[in-house]
Amino acid sequence: LRKAGARNYSIFFDQNRERLFAYLEAEPDVATYQARINEDPVNARWQEYMSDLLVIGEGGLPRLEQAFHLD
């Protein structure tokens, strides 16, 4: 994850501990991080292992809709 550019990465449970939500900052940007992580064989094995549990959207990242942001 770090080699691909992930920083400030956290995973959160929802209140009922039924769903997980992840947050990360990518360096230098999300597109570069995504390209790097998609080329990693360890990530490929992890994605295969977790495929029954993870909801993956287009581009390989989970689909989340932003509900709120404050700068």
N, C-alpha and C. Protein backbone atom coordinates (compact mmCIF):
# COMPACT_ATOMS: atom_id res chain seq x y z
N LEU A 1 0.82 -1.19 0.00
CA LEU A 1 0.00 0.00 0.00
C LEU A 1 0.87 1.26 0.00
N ARG A 2 1.86 1.30 0.87
CA ARG A 2 2.74 2.47 0.92
C ARG A 2 3.52 2.64 -0.38
N LYS A 3 4.03 1.52 -0.91
CA LYS A 3 4.80 1.59 -2.16
C LYS A 3 3.95 2.12 -3.30
N ALA A 4 2.65 1.87 -3.26
CA ALA A 4 1.75 2.35 -4.30
C ALA A 4 1.38 3.83 -4.10
N GLY A 5 1.61 4.36 -2.89
CA GLY A 5 1.34 5.76 -2.62
C GLY A 5 0.26 6.03 -1.59
N ALA A 6 -0.21 5.00 -0.88
CA ALA A 6 -1.26 5.21 0.14
C ALA A 6 -0.67 5.89 1.37
N ARG A 7 -1.40 6.87 1.86
CA ARG A 7 -1.04 7.58 3.09
C ARG A 7 -2.32 7.83 3.87
N ASN A 8 -2.18 8.00 5.17
CA ASN A 8 -3.31 8.36 6.02
C ASN A 8 -4.51 7.44 5.73
N TYR A 9 -4.27 6.14 5.80
CA TYR A 9 -5.26 5.12 5.44
C TYR A 9 -5.95 4.62 6.70
N SER A 10 -7.27 4.69 6.72
CA SER A 10 -8.05 4.22 7.86
C SER A 10 -9.22 3.40 7.36
N ILE A 11 -9.64 2.42 8.17
CA ILE A 11 -10.83 1.64 7.89
C ILE A 11 -11.74 1.77 9.11
N PHE A 12 -13.01 2.04 8.86
CA PHE A 12 -13.98 2.26 9.91
C PHE A 12 -15.11 1.25 9.83
N PHE A 13 -15.63 0.82 10.97
CA PHE A 13 -16.86 0.05 11.05
C PHE A 13 -18.04 1.01 11.09
N ASP A 14 -19.19 0.58 10.58
CA ASP A 14 -20.39 1.36 10.82
C ASP A 14 -20.85 1.07 12.25
N GLN A 15 -21.88 1.74 12.69
CA GLN A 15 -22.33 1.65 14.07
C GLN A 15 -22.70 0.22 14.47
N ASN A 16 -23.25 -0.54 13.56
CA ASN A 16 -23.67 -1.91 13.85
C ASN A 16 -22.60 -2.95 13.55
N ARG A 17 -21.43 -2.49 13.14
CA ARG A 17 -20.32 -3.38 12.77
C ARG A 17 -20.71 -4.35 11.67
N GLU A 18 -21.53 -3.87 10.73
CA GLU A 18 -21.96 -4.68 9.60
C GLU A 18 -21.24 -4.33 8.32
N ARG A 19 -20.73 -3.10 8.22
CA ARG A 19 -20.04 -2.64 7.02
C ARG A 19 -18.76 -1.93 7.40
N LEU A 20 -17.81 -1.97 6.50
CA LEU A 20 -16.55 -1.26 6.65
C LEU A 20 -16.48 -0.13 5.63
N PHE A 21 -15.87 0.95 6.02
CA PHE A 21 -15.62 2.06 5.13
C PHE A 21 -14.14 2.41 5.22
N ALA A 22 -13.52 2.61 4.07
CA ALA A 22 -12.09 2.92 4.04
C ALA A 22 -11.88 4.34 3.53
N TYR A 23 -10.82 4.96 4.04
CA TYR A 23 -10.40 6.30 3.61
C TYR A 23 -8.90 6.27 3.45
N LEU A 24 -8.40 6.81 2.34
CA LEU A 24 -6.96 6.96 2.18
C LEU A 24 -6.66 8.18 1.34
N GLU A 25 -5.48 8.71 1.56
CA GLU A 25 -4.96 9.78 0.71
C GLU A 25 -3.89 9.15 -0.16
N ALA A 26 -3.87 9.52 -1.43
CA ALA A 26 -2.96 8.90 -2.40
C ALA A 26 -1.94 9.92 -2.90
N GLU A 27 -0.68 9.47 -2.97
CA GLU A 27 0.39 10.32 -3.50
C GLU A 27 0.97 9.66 -4.74
N PRO A 28 1.20 10.35 -5.81
CA PRO A 28 0.95 11.79 -5.97
C PRO A 28 -0.51 12.11 -6.26
N ASP A 29 -1.29 11.10 -6.70
CA ASP A 29 -2.72 11.30 -6.97
C ASP A 29 -3.40 9.94 -7.01
N VAL A 30 -4.73 9.93 -7.06
CA VAL A 30 -5.50 8.69 -7.01
C VAL A 30 -5.24 7.82 -8.24
N ALA A 31 -5.16 8.43 -9.42
CA ALA A 31 -4.94 7.65 -10.65
C ALA A 31 -3.62 6.90 -10.61
N THR A 32 -2.57 7.55 -10.13
CA THR A 32 -1.26 6.90 -10.02
C THR A 32 -1.30 5.79 -8.99
N TYR A 33 -1.89 6.06 -7.84
CA TYR A 33 -2.04 5.02 -6.81
C TYR A 33 -2.78 3.82 -7.36
N GLN A 34 -3.89 4.06 -8.02
CA GLN A 34 -4.72 2.98 -8.55
C GLN A 34 -3.95 2.15 -9.57
N ALA A 35 -3.21 2.79 -10.45
CA ALA A 35 -2.42 2.06 -11.45
C ALA A 35 -1.36 1.20 -10.76
N ARG A 36 -0.70 1.76 -9.77
CA ARG A 36 0.35 1.01 -9.05
C ARG A 36 -0.24 -0.18 -8.29
N ILE A 37 -1.33 0.04 -7.57
CA ILE A 37 -1.90 -1.03 -6.75
C ILE A 37 -2.48 -2.13 -7.62
N ASN A 38 -3.02 -1.76 -8.78
CA ASN A 38 -3.58 -2.77 -9.69
C ASN A 38 -2.51 -3.65 -10.32
N GLU A 39 -1.26 -3.21 -10.33
CA GLU A 39 -0.15 -4.00 -10.87
C GLU A 39 0.50 -4.89 -9.82
N ASP A 40 0.14 -4.73 -8.57
CA ASP A 40 0.78 -5.45 -7.48
C ASP A 40 0.21 -6.87 -7.33
N PRO A 41 1.05 -7.92 -7.39
CA PRO A 41 0.54 -9.29 -7.26
C PRO A 41 -0.05 -9.60 -5.89
N VAL A 42 0.45 -8.97 -4.84
CA VAL A 42 -0.12 -9.19 -3.50
C VAL A 42 -1.53 -8.63 -3.46
N ASN A 43 -1.74 -7.45 -4.04
CA ASN A 43 -3.08 -6.88 -4.10
C ASN A 43 -4.01 -7.77 -4.92
N ALA A 44 -3.53 -8.34 -6.00
CA ALA A 44 -4.36 -9.23 -6.82
C ALA A 44 -4.83 -10.44 -6.01
N ARG A 45 -3.93 -11.01 -5.22
CA ARG A 45 -4.31 -12.15 -4.36
C ARG A 45 -5.31 -11.72 -3.30
N TRP A 46 -5.12 -10.56 -2.71
CA TRP A 46 -6.04 -10.04 -1.70
C TRP A 46 -7.42 -9.80 -2.31
N GLN A 47 -7.47 -9.19 -3.46
CA GLN A 47 -8.75 -8.92 -4.12
C GLN A 47 -9.49 -10.23 -4.43
N GLU A 48 -8.77 -11.24 -4.88
CA GLU A 48 -9.38 -12.53 -5.16
C GLU A 48 -9.91 -13.16 -3.88
N TYR A 49 -9.12 -13.11 -2.82
CA TYR A 49 -9.51 -13.67 -1.53
C TYR A 49 -10.76 -13.00 -0.98
N MET A 50 -10.86 -11.70 -1.15
CA MET A 50 -11.95 -10.91 -0.59
C MET A 50 -13.11 -10.70 -1.56
N SER A 51 -13.06 -11.27 -2.74
CA SER A 51 -14.03 -10.96 -3.80
C SER A 51 -15.48 -11.22 -3.41
N ASP A 52 -15.73 -12.16 -2.53
CA ASP A 52 -17.10 -12.42 -2.10
C ASP A 52 -17.63 -11.37 -1.12
N LEU A 53 -16.74 -10.60 -0.54
CA LEU A 53 -17.13 -9.63 0.49
C LEU A 53 -17.10 -8.18 0.02
N LEU A 54 -16.22 -7.86 -0.91
CA LEU A 54 -16.04 -6.47 -1.32
C LEU A 54 -16.94 -6.10 -2.48
N VAL A 55 -17.54 -4.92 -2.40
CA VAL A 55 -18.30 -4.36 -3.50
C VAL A 55 -17.36 -3.41 -4.22
N ILE A 56 -16.99 -3.78 -5.44
CA ILE A 56 -16.01 -2.99 -6.18
C ILE A 56 -16.70 -2.30 -7.35
N GLY A 57 -16.44 -1.00 -7.47
CA GLY A 57 -17.01 -0.23 -8.57
C GLY A 57 -16.06 -0.18 -9.75
N GLU A 58 -16.41 0.59 -10.75
CA GLU A 58 -15.56 0.76 -11.92
C GLU A 58 -14.21 1.32 -11.49
N GLY A 59 -13.15 0.88 -12.13
CA GLY A 59 -11.82 1.35 -11.81
C GLY A 59 -11.19 0.62 -10.65
N GLY A 60 -11.85 -0.34 -10.06
CA GLY A 60 -11.27 -1.14 -9.00
C GLY A 60 -11.42 -0.58 -7.61
N LEU A 61 -12.05 0.55 -7.46
CA LEU A 61 -12.24 1.13 -6.14
C LEU A 61 -13.68 0.94 -5.69
N PRO A 62 -13.90 0.74 -4.39
CA PRO A 62 -15.27 0.62 -3.90
C PRO A 62 -16.08 1.88 -4.23
N ARG A 63 -17.34 1.70 -4.56
CA ARG A 63 -18.21 2.84 -4.86
C ARG A 63 -18.78 3.39 -3.57
N LEU A 64 -18.43 4.61 -3.29
CA LEU A 64 -19.00 5.33 -2.16
C LEU A 64 -19.46 6.69 -2.66
N GLU A 65 -20.57 7.12 -2.19
CA GLU A 65 -21.07 8.42 -2.55
C GLU A 65 -20.80 9.37 -1.39
N GLN A 66 -20.14 10.47 -1.68
CA GLN A 66 -19.80 11.42 -0.62
C GLN A 66 -21.06 12.05 -0.08
N ALA A 67 -21.19 12.05 1.23
CA ALA A 67 -22.35 12.62 1.89
C ALA A 67 -22.07 14.03 2.40
N PHE A 68 -20.79 14.32 2.72
CA PHE A 68 -20.45 15.62 3.28
C PHE A 68 -18.96 15.85 3.16
N HIS A 69 -18.58 17.09 2.93
CA HIS A 69 -17.16 17.50 2.93
C HIS A 69 -17.07 18.94 3.35
N LEU A 70 -16.10 19.26 4.20
CA LEU A 70 -15.84 20.63 4.62
C LEU A 70 -14.36 20.90 4.47
N ASP A 71 -13.99 21.94 3.71
CA ASP A 71 -12.58 22.33 3.59
C ASP A 71 -12.20 23.29 4.68
